[in-house]
Every structure is written in structure tokens, then in C-alpha cells.
Protein backbone atom coordinates (compact mmCIF):
# COMPACT_ATOMS: atom_id res chain seq x y z
CA UNK A 1 -16.61 -2.74 2.52
CA UNK A 2 -13.43 -2.47 4.87
CA UNK A 3 -11.42 0.57 4.56
CA UNK A 4 -7.82 0.60 4.00
CA UNK A 5 -5.57 3.24 4.84
CA UNK A 6 -2.19 3.98 3.17
CA UNK A 7 0.03 6.00 5.43
CA UNK A 8 3.19 7.54 2.89
CA UNK A 9 6.17 9.30 4.44
CA UNK A 10 8.70 11.29 2.12
CA UNK A 11 12.20 11.93 3.92
CA UNK A 12 13.98 14.82 2.95
CA UNK A 13 16.48 12.76 0.82
CA UNK A 14 13.52 11.43 -1.01
CA UNK A 15 12.96 8.27 0.07
CA UNK A 16 9.53 7.25 0.39
CA UNK A 17 7.84 4.79 3.08
CA UNK A 18 4.50 3.41 2.70
CA UNK A 19 2.29 1.55 5.16
CA UNK A 20 -0.69 -0.16 4.13
CA UNK A 21 -3.43 -0.53 7.00
CA UNK A 22 -6.30 -2.76 6.98
CA UNK A 23 -5.57 -4.75 3.90
CA UNK A 24 -6.11 -8.38 4.88
CA UNK A 25 -4.00 -11.04 3.16
CA UNK A 26 -2.31 -10.55 -0.32
CA UNK A 27 -4.34 -7.24 -0.92
CA UNK A 28 -1.56 -5.16 0.57
CA UNK A 29 0.73 -6.53 -2.01
CA UNK A 30 -1.48 -5.19 -4.99
CA UNK A 31 -1.51 -1.76 -3.22
CA UNK A 32 2.33 -2.19 -3.45
CA UNK A 33 2.26 -2.87 -7.22
CA UNK A 34 0.63 0.29 -7.77
CA UNK A 35 2.53 2.29 -5.87
CA UNK A 36 5.63 1.16 -7.32
CA UNK A 37 4.16 2.17 -10.75
CA UNK A 38 3.31 5.39 -9.20
CA UNK A 39 6.57 6.32 -7.25
CA UNK A 40 9.24 4.03 -8.63
CA UNK A 41 10.99 0.74 -8.04
CA UNK A 42 10.59 -0.97 -4.56
CA UNK A 43 13.87 -1.03 -2.93
CA UNK A 44 12.73 -3.46 0.25
CA UNK A 45 9.45 -4.91 1.56
CA UNK A 46 7.91 -5.61 5.18
CA UNK A 47 5.22 -7.78 5.64
CA UNK A 48 3.00 -6.93 8.62
CA UNK A 49 0.80 -9.68 10.55
CA UNK A 50 -1.95 -8.74 8.32
CA UNK A 51 -0.59 -10.14 5.29
CA UNK A 52 -0.92 -13.71 7.00
CA UNK A 53 -4.63 -12.90 7.86
CA UNK A 54 -7.31 -14.44 5.52
CA UNK A 55 -7.67 -12.48 2.47
CA UNK A 56 -10.73 -10.13 2.45
CA UNK A 57 -13.14 -10.67 -0.45
CA UNK A 58 -13.43 -7.06 -1.33
CA UNK A 59 -11.78 -6.05 -4.46
CA UNK A 60 -9.47 -3.09 -4.89
CA UNK A 61 -10.12 -0.07 -7.03
CA UNK A 62 -7.13 2.04 -7.20
CA UNK A 63 -7.21 5.72 -8.31
CA UNK A 64 -4.99 8.67 -7.33
CA UNK A 65 -6.08 12.17 -6.62
CA UNK A 66 -3.72 15.26 -6.89
CA UNK A 67 -4.38 17.86 -4.17
CA UNK A 68 -3.72 21.37 -5.10
């Protein structure tokens, strides 16, 4: 199964920027929906070239884990 990476950057003013790597096709949009539930409304979205590649058949099992 392919691995996906999510890079999250939170600026000093509280803006959250997320970059999903390795999710082909519309899978990245599923990550964006999940992240919107976690961090709030999506202000803007920019699709990368991976979005236009054929969808991978792998399912997405999203969960969050707090570090502490």
C-alpha cells in the first residue's frame, strides 16, 4: 500500500497550511475534508499535479494521534 505524507505548517498568526504528498487522484481531497473537520474551514485550496494522476485504489483510514 502506498504511503501518504501530510505536511502541516502553523504560522505565528495561526494560519494552517497543509500539503498532502503521495495521494494520487482525488484521495487528497478526502484528506482535505478530514483536515477541515479537525482545523476548521478551508480558506483556499491549490491542487498539485498528483490530483490529476489516476486514483489509487487504496482506501484511506484517517485518525489523529496527539503527541504529548
